[in-house]
Amino acid sequence: MTTMPPRFPITAEQIELVVTRFYAAVRKHPTLGPIFANHVADWPAHEAKITGFWRNAILMERSYDGNPMQAHMRAGDVRADHFDGWLELFDDVLHSTLPAEPAAAWSALAHRIGRGLRMGVRDVTQPTGAVPNLG
């Protein structure tokens, strides 16, 4: 079986460090903190799951089996505009934790994923039969 190369040069330890620092910042964030607190009872388990997500997305490991779109759509209190704050905070952590090249590459990937999640959450809040907002 051939393994796929990582999307960009980064270690599993760097991914874990970014996730840990990001969620430490999330817990202090005035908007995001309360939303996450409504859904996360076990922070170490959540961080491990999200670390698995990013290891899967970046290192091409088989370390995640969830569905982020469904999780965000089901939450009920996640709005499309929350992703702007999420991405801003994530970028701050990336750029303060990693060298410039992997920080920029991971940021681009996170923004692409964030656009998809934002559209999914926005679609859930649209009235039945409404024209989809692709912005």
N, C-alpha and C. Protein backbone atom coordinates (compact mmCIF):
# COMPACT_ATOMS: atom_id res chain seq x y z
N MET A 1 0.84 -1.18 0.00
CA MET A 1 0.00 0.00 0.00
C MET A 1 0.88 1.25 0.00
N THR A 2 0.63 2.14 -0.91
CA THR A 2 1.39 3.38 -1.02
C THR A 2 0.78 4.42 -0.10
N THR A 3 1.65 5.12 0.60
CA THR A 3 1.16 6.20 1.46
C THR A 3 1.33 7.52 0.72
N MET A 4 0.39 8.41 0.97
CA MET A 4 0.44 9.72 0.34
C MET A 4 1.35 10.63 1.15
N PRO A 5 2.08 11.50 0.48
CA PRO A 5 2.93 12.44 1.22
C PRO A 5 2.07 13.50 1.90
N PRO A 6 2.60 14.13 2.94
CA PRO A 6 1.85 15.22 3.59
C PRO A 6 1.59 16.36 2.60
N ARG A 7 0.56 17.14 2.88
CA ARG A 7 0.25 18.30 2.04
C ARG A 7 1.37 19.32 2.08
N PHE A 8 2.01 19.44 3.23
CA PHE A 8 3.12 20.38 3.41
C PHE A 8 3.95 19.88 4.58
N PRO A 9 5.20 20.35 4.70
CA PRO A 9 6.08 19.85 5.76
C PRO A 9 5.63 20.32 7.15
N ILE A 10 5.26 19.36 7.97
CA ILE A 10 4.85 19.62 9.34
C ILE A 10 4.90 18.29 10.09
N THR A 11 5.11 18.34 11.38
CA THR A 11 5.14 17.11 12.18
C THR A 11 3.83 16.92 12.93
N ALA A 12 3.59 15.70 13.35
CA ALA A 12 2.42 15.41 14.18
C ALA A 12 2.49 16.21 15.49
N GLU A 13 3.69 16.39 16.02
CA GLU A 13 3.86 17.16 17.26
C GLU A 13 3.49 18.62 17.07
N GLN A 14 3.84 19.18 15.92
CA GLN A 14 3.47 20.57 15.63
C GLN A 14 1.95 20.71 15.51
N ILE A 15 1.32 19.74 14.88
CA ILE A 15 -0.14 19.76 14.76
C ILE A 15 -0.78 19.73 16.14
N GLU A 16 -0.31 18.84 16.99
CA GLU A 16 -0.86 18.75 18.35
C GLU A 16 -0.65 20.05 19.11
N LEU A 17 0.51 20.67 18.97
CA LEU A 17 0.80 21.93 19.66
C LEU A 17 -0.14 23.04 19.19
N VAL A 18 -0.37 23.14 17.89
CA VAL A 18 -1.28 24.16 17.36
C VAL A 18 -2.69 23.93 17.91
N VAL A 19 -3.16 22.69 17.88
CA VAL A 19 -4.51 22.40 18.37
C VAL A 19 -4.63 22.75 19.85
N THR A 20 -3.65 22.37 20.65
CA THR A 20 -3.66 22.67 22.08
C THR A 20 -3.70 24.18 22.33
N ARG A 21 -2.85 24.92 21.64
CA ARG A 21 -2.80 26.38 21.82
C ARG A 21 -4.09 27.03 21.32
N PHE A 22 -4.61 26.52 20.21
CA PHE A 22 -5.84 27.08 19.67
C PHE A 22 -7.00 26.94 20.66
N TYR A 23 -7.19 25.75 21.21
CA TYR A 23 -8.31 25.56 22.12
C TYR A 23 -8.11 26.26 23.45
N ALA A 24 -6.87 26.50 23.85
CA ALA A 24 -6.63 27.33 25.04
C ALA A 24 -7.12 28.75 24.75
N ALA A 25 -6.86 29.24 23.54
CA ALA A 25 -7.33 30.57 23.15
C ALA A 25 -8.84 30.61 22.97
N VAL A 26 -9.42 29.55 22.42
CA VAL A 26 -10.87 29.48 22.23
C VAL A 26 -11.59 29.62 23.57
N ARG A 27 -11.10 28.93 24.58
CA ARG A 27 -11.77 28.96 25.89
C ARG A 27 -11.81 30.37 26.47
N LYS A 28 -10.88 31.24 26.07
CA LYS A 28 -10.83 32.62 26.56
C LYS A 28 -11.58 33.59 25.65
N HIS A 29 -11.95 33.15 24.47
CA HIS A 29 -12.56 34.04 23.47
C HIS A 29 -13.99 34.39 23.87
N PRO A 30 -14.36 35.69 23.84
CA PRO A 30 -15.68 36.10 24.32
C PRO A 30 -16.86 35.54 23.53
N THR A 31 -16.70 35.30 22.25
CA THR A 31 -17.79 34.74 21.44
C THR A 31 -17.68 33.23 21.30
N LEU A 32 -16.51 32.75 20.92
CA LEU A 32 -16.34 31.33 20.66
C LEU A 32 -16.32 30.49 21.93
N GLY A 33 -15.76 31.02 23.01
CA GLY A 33 -15.64 30.27 24.26
C GLY A 33 -16.97 29.71 24.74
N PRO A 34 -18.00 30.52 24.87
CA PRO A 34 -19.29 30.00 25.33
C PRO A 34 -19.92 28.98 24.38
N ILE A 35 -19.73 29.16 23.08
CA ILE A 35 -20.28 28.20 22.11
C ILE A 35 -19.62 26.85 22.29
N PHE A 36 -18.30 26.84 22.35
CA PHE A 36 -17.59 25.57 22.54
C PHE A 36 -17.94 24.96 23.90
N ALA A 37 -18.06 25.80 24.92
CA ALA A 37 -18.39 25.29 26.26
C ALA A 37 -19.75 24.58 26.27
N ASN A 38 -20.66 24.99 25.39
CA ASN A 38 -21.96 24.33 25.29
C ASN A 38 -21.86 22.91 24.73
N HIS A 39 -20.78 22.62 24.02
CA HIS A 39 -20.69 21.35 23.30
C HIS A 39 -19.53 20.46 23.73
N VAL A 40 -18.53 21.02 24.39
CA VAL A 40 -17.34 20.24 24.75
C VAL A 40 -17.32 20.04 26.26
N ALA A 41 -17.51 18.80 26.69
CA ALA A 41 -17.44 18.47 28.11
C ALA A 41 -16.05 17.96 28.48
N ASP A 42 -15.37 17.33 27.53
CA ASP A 42 -14.07 16.72 27.77
C ASP A 42 -13.07 17.34 26.79
N TRP A 43 -12.38 18.39 27.24
CA TRP A 43 -11.46 19.10 26.35
C TRP A 43 -10.33 18.22 25.83
N PRO A 44 -9.67 17.40 26.67
CA PRO A 44 -8.60 16.55 26.12
C PRO A 44 -9.12 15.60 25.02
N ALA A 45 -10.30 15.05 25.20
CA ALA A 45 -10.86 14.16 24.16
C ALA A 45 -11.17 14.95 22.89
N HIS A 46 -11.73 16.15 23.05
CA HIS A 46 -12.04 16.98 21.88
C HIS A 46 -10.75 17.35 21.14
N GLU A 47 -9.75 17.78 21.89
CA GLU A 47 -8.49 18.15 21.26
C GLU A 47 -7.84 16.97 20.55
N ALA A 48 -7.93 15.78 21.14
CA ALA A 48 -7.39 14.58 20.49
C ALA A 48 -8.13 14.30 19.18
N LYS A 49 -9.45 14.46 19.21
CA LYS A 49 -10.25 14.21 18.00
C LYS A 49 -9.89 15.21 16.90
N ILE A 50 -9.75 16.48 17.27
CA ILE A 50 -9.43 17.50 16.27
C ILE A 50 -7.98 17.36 15.79
N THR A 51 -7.10 16.95 16.67
CA THR A 51 -5.73 16.65 16.24
C THR A 51 -5.77 15.54 15.20
N GLY A 52 -6.58 14.52 15.43
CA GLY A 52 -6.75 13.45 14.45
C GLY A 52 -7.28 13.96 13.12
N PHE A 53 -8.24 14.90 13.20
CA PHE A 53 -8.79 15.50 11.97
C PHE A 53 -7.67 16.15 11.17
N TRP A 54 -6.86 16.99 11.83
CA TRP A 54 -5.81 17.71 11.11
C TRP A 54 -4.70 16.77 10.65
N ARG A 55 -4.38 15.75 11.43
CA ARG A 55 -3.37 14.78 10.99
C ARG A 55 -3.87 14.05 9.75
N ASN A 56 -5.16 13.77 9.71
CA ASN A 56 -5.75 13.14 8.53
C ASN A 56 -5.70 14.09 7.33
N ALA A 57 -6.09 15.35 7.55
CA ALA A 57 -6.17 16.32 6.46
C ALA A 57 -4.79 16.74 5.93
N ILE A 58 -3.78 16.76 6.82
CA ILE A 58 -2.47 17.26 6.41
C ILE A 58 -1.48 16.12 6.16
N LEU A 59 -1.41 15.18 7.09
CA LEU A 59 -0.43 14.09 6.99
C LEU A 59 -0.97 12.87 6.25
N MET A 60 -2.25 12.91 5.89
CA MET A 60 -2.92 11.83 5.16
C MET A 60 -2.99 10.54 5.99
N GLU A 61 -3.07 10.69 7.29
CA GLU A 61 -3.24 9.54 8.18
C GLU A 61 -4.71 9.16 8.21
N ARG A 62 -4.98 7.99 8.66
CA ARG A 62 -6.36 7.54 8.87
C ARG A 62 -6.65 7.68 10.36
N SER A 63 -6.67 8.94 10.83
CA SER A 63 -6.75 9.18 12.26
C SER A 63 -8.02 9.92 12.68
N TYR A 64 -9.00 9.99 11.80
CA TYR A 64 -10.23 10.72 12.09
C TYR A 64 -11.38 10.06 11.35
N ASP A 65 -12.49 9.88 12.06
CA ASP A 65 -13.63 9.25 11.40
C ASP A 65 -14.94 10.01 11.62
N GLY A 66 -14.85 11.29 11.97
CA GLY A 66 -16.06 12.08 12.21
C GLY A 66 -16.55 12.78 10.95
N ASN A 67 -17.56 13.62 11.13
CA ASN A 67 -18.11 14.40 10.04
C ASN A 67 -18.26 15.84 10.52
N PRO A 68 -17.27 16.69 10.26
CA PRO A 68 -17.31 18.06 10.76
C PRO A 68 -18.53 18.84 10.28
N MET A 69 -18.95 18.63 9.04
CA MET A 69 -20.10 19.36 8.53
C MET A 69 -21.34 19.04 9.35
N GLN A 70 -21.60 17.77 9.58
CA GLN A 70 -22.77 17.39 10.38
C GLN A 70 -22.67 17.93 11.80
N ALA A 71 -21.50 17.86 12.40
CA ALA A 71 -21.33 18.33 13.78
C ALA A 71 -21.65 19.82 13.88
N HIS A 72 -21.15 20.61 12.95
CA HIS A 72 -21.40 22.06 13.00
C HIS A 72 -22.85 22.40 12.67
N MET A 73 -23.44 21.67 11.74
CA MET A 73 -24.83 21.93 11.37
C MET A 73 -25.78 21.54 12.50
N ARG A 74 -25.47 20.45 13.18
CA ARG A 74 -26.32 19.95 14.27
C ARG A 74 -26.22 20.79 15.54
N ALA A 75 -25.14 21.49 15.71
CA ALA A 75 -24.89 22.20 16.97
C ALA A 75 -26.04 23.14 17.33
N GLY A 76 -26.59 23.82 16.35
CA GLY A 76 -27.72 24.70 16.60
C GLY A 76 -27.36 26.12 16.98
N ASP A 77 -26.21 26.33 17.61
CA ASP A 77 -25.82 27.68 17.99
C ASP A 77 -24.58 28.17 17.26
N VAL A 78 -24.17 27.45 16.23
CA VAL A 78 -23.05 27.87 15.41
C VAL A 78 -23.62 28.60 14.20
N ARG A 79 -23.19 29.86 14.04
CA ARG A 79 -23.65 30.67 12.92
C ARG A 79 -22.52 30.84 11.91
N ALA A 80 -22.89 31.13 10.69
CA ALA A 80 -21.91 31.30 9.62
C ALA A 80 -20.87 32.36 9.98
N ASP A 81 -21.30 33.45 10.61
CA ASP A 81 -20.35 34.53 10.93
C ASP A 81 -19.36 34.15 12.02
N HIS A 82 -19.59 33.08 12.76
CA HIS A 82 -18.63 32.63 13.77
C HIS A 82 -17.32 32.16 13.13
N PHE A 83 -17.39 31.72 11.87
CA PHE A 83 -16.19 31.18 11.24
C PHE A 83 -15.13 32.26 11.00
N ASP A 84 -15.55 33.51 10.84
CA ASP A 84 -14.57 34.58 10.68
C ASP A 84 -13.70 34.70 11.93
N GLY A 85 -14.32 34.71 13.11
CA GLY A 85 -13.56 34.79 14.36
C GLY A 85 -12.72 33.55 14.59
N TRP A 86 -13.28 32.39 14.24
CA TRP A 86 -12.57 31.12 14.39
C TRP A 86 -11.30 31.15 13.55
N LEU A 87 -11.44 31.56 12.29
CA LEU A 87 -10.28 31.57 11.39
C LEU A 87 -9.26 32.62 11.80
N GLU A 88 -9.71 33.76 12.27
CA GLU A 88 -8.78 34.79 12.72
C GLU A 88 -7.96 34.29 13.91
N LEU A 89 -8.63 33.67 14.86
CA LEU A 89 -7.94 33.12 16.03
C LEU A 89 -7.00 31.98 15.61
N PHE A 90 -7.46 31.12 14.72
CA PHE A 90 -6.64 30.01 14.25
C PHE A 90 -5.39 30.53 13.54
N ASP A 91 -5.57 31.55 12.69
CA ASP A 91 -4.41 32.14 12.01
C ASP A 91 -3.42 32.73 13.01
N ASP A 92 -3.91 33.41 14.03
CA ASP A 92 -3.02 33.96 15.06
C ASP A 92 -2.18 32.86 15.69
N VAL A 93 -2.82 31.75 16.03
CA VAL A 93 -2.10 30.63 16.65
C VAL A 93 -1.11 30.02 15.66
N LEU A 94 -1.54 29.81 14.43
CA LEU A 94 -0.63 29.24 13.42
C LEU A 94 0.63 30.09 13.28
N HIS A 95 0.44 31.39 13.11
CA HIS A 95 1.58 32.27 12.82
C HIS A 95 2.45 32.52 14.05
N SER A 96 1.92 32.31 15.24
CA SER A 96 2.75 32.48 16.44
C SER A 96 3.39 31.16 16.88
N THR A 97 3.01 30.05 16.24
CA THR A 97 3.49 28.74 16.66
C THR A 97 4.42 28.09 15.64
N LEU A 98 4.15 28.30 14.36
CA LEU A 98 4.86 27.58 13.30
C LEU A 98 5.74 28.50 12.47
N PRO A 99 6.70 27.91 11.76
CA PRO A 99 7.44 28.68 10.76
C PRO A 99 6.47 29.19 9.67
N ALA A 100 6.88 30.20 8.94
CA ALA A 100 5.99 30.89 7.99
C ALA A 100 5.38 29.95 6.94
N GLU A 101 6.18 29.06 6.35
CA GLU A 101 5.67 28.23 5.25
C GLU A 101 4.55 27.28 5.70
N PRO A 102 4.76 26.46 6.74
CA PRO A 102 3.65 25.58 7.14
C PRO A 102 2.47 26.37 7.72
N ALA A 103 2.73 27.50 8.36
CA ALA A 103 1.63 28.32 8.89
C ALA A 103 0.76 28.81 7.74
N ALA A 104 1.36 29.30 6.67
CA ALA A 104 0.60 29.80 5.52
C ALA A 104 -0.15 28.68 4.82
N ALA A 105 0.50 27.53 4.66
CA ALA A 105 -0.14 26.40 3.98
C ALA A 105 -1.32 25.89 4.80
N TRP A 106 -1.14 25.76 6.11
CA TRP A 106 -2.23 25.28 6.97
C TRP A 106 -3.36 26.29 7.01
N SER A 107 -3.02 27.56 7.03
CA SER A 107 -4.04 28.61 7.02
C SER A 107 -4.89 28.51 5.76
N ALA A 108 -4.26 28.34 4.62
CA ALA A 108 -5.00 28.23 3.36
C ALA A 108 -5.96 27.03 3.40
N LEU A 109 -5.49 25.91 3.93
CA LEU A 109 -6.34 24.73 4.05
C LEU A 109 -7.50 24.99 5.02
N ALA A 110 -7.21 25.61 6.15
CA ALA A 110 -8.26 25.91 7.14
C ALA A 110 -9.31 26.86 6.56
N HIS A 111 -8.88 27.83 5.79
CA HIS A 111 -9.82 28.77 5.19
C HIS A 111 -10.70 28.07 4.15
N ARG A 112 -10.13 27.15 3.40
CA ARG A 112 -10.92 26.38 2.42
C ARG A 112 -11.96 25.53 3.14
N ILE A 113 -11.56 24.84 4.19
CA ILE A 113 -12.49 24.02 4.97
C ILE A 113 -13.53 24.92 5.64
N GLY A 114 -13.08 26.05 6.17
CA GLY A 114 -13.99 26.99 6.82
C GLY A 114 -15.06 27.52 5.88
N ARG A 115 -14.69 27.78 4.62
CA ARG A 115 -15.69 28.24 3.65
C ARG A 115 -16.78 27.20 3.46
N GLY A 116 -16.39 25.94 3.37
CA GLY A 116 -17.38 24.87 3.22
C GLY A 116 -18.28 24.74 4.43
N LEU A 117 -17.70 24.79 5.61
CA LEU A 117 -18.50 24.70 6.84
C LEU A 117 -19.43 25.89 6.98
N ARG A 118 -18.92 27.07 6.65
CA ARG A 118 -19.74 28.29 6.72
C ARG A 118 -20.96 28.15 5.81
N MET A 119 -20.75 27.66 4.60
CA MET A 119 -21.88 27.50 3.67
C MET A 119 -22.87 26.47 4.20
N GLY A 120 -22.38 25.38 4.77
CA GLY A 120 -23.27 24.36 5.31
C GLY A 120 -24.11 24.88 6.46
N VAL A 121 -23.49 25.63 7.37
CA VAL A 121 -24.21 26.20 8.50
C VAL A 121 -25.21 27.24 8.00
N ARG A 122 -24.81 28.04 7.02
CA ARG A 122 -25.70 29.06 6.46
C ARG A 122 -26.91 28.40 5.81
N ASP A 123 -26.70 27.31 5.08
CA ASP A 123 -27.80 26.62 4.41
C ASP A 123 -28.83 26.08 5.40
N VAL A 124 -28.38 25.61 6.56
CA VAL A 124 -29.29 25.07 7.57
C VAL A 124 -30.24 26.14 8.08
N THR A 125 -29.78 27.39 8.13
CA THR A 125 -30.60 28.46 8.67
C THR A 125 -31.50 29.11 7.61
N GLN A 126 -31.35 28.72 6.36
CA GLN A 126 -32.18 29.28 5.28
C GLN A 126 -33.57 28.65 5.32
N PRO A 127 -34.60 29.45 5.04
CA PRO A 127 -35.94 28.88 4.96
C PRO A 127 -36.04 27.85 3.84
N THR A 128 -36.90 26.89 4.00
CA THR A 128 -37.10 25.87 2.97
C THR A 128 -37.46 26.53 1.65
N GLY A 129 -36.79 26.14 0.60
CA GLY A 129 -37.05 26.67 -0.74
C GLY A 129 -36.32 27.96 -1.05
N ALA A 130 -35.57 28.51 -0.08
CA ALA A 130 -34.84 29.75 -0.33
C ALA A 130 -33.69 29.49 -1.28
N VAL A 131 -33.32 30.51 -2.03
CA VAL A 131 -32.17 30.42 -2.93
C VAL A 131 -30.92 30.34 -2.08
N PRO A 132 -30.03 29.37 -2.34
CA PRO A 132 -28.82 29.24 -1.52
C PRO A 132 -27.94 30.49 -1.63
N ASN A 133 -27.32 30.86 -0.51
CA ASN A 133 -26.38 31.96 -0.47
C ASN A 133 -24.98 31.37 -0.60
N LEU A 134 -24.33 31.63 -1.71
CA LEU A 134 -23.02 31.04 -1.96
C LEU A 134 -21.88 31.98 -1.58
N GLY A 135 -22.18 33.06 -0.92
CA GLY A 135 -21.15 34.04 -0.55
C GLY A 135 -20.35 33.70 0.63
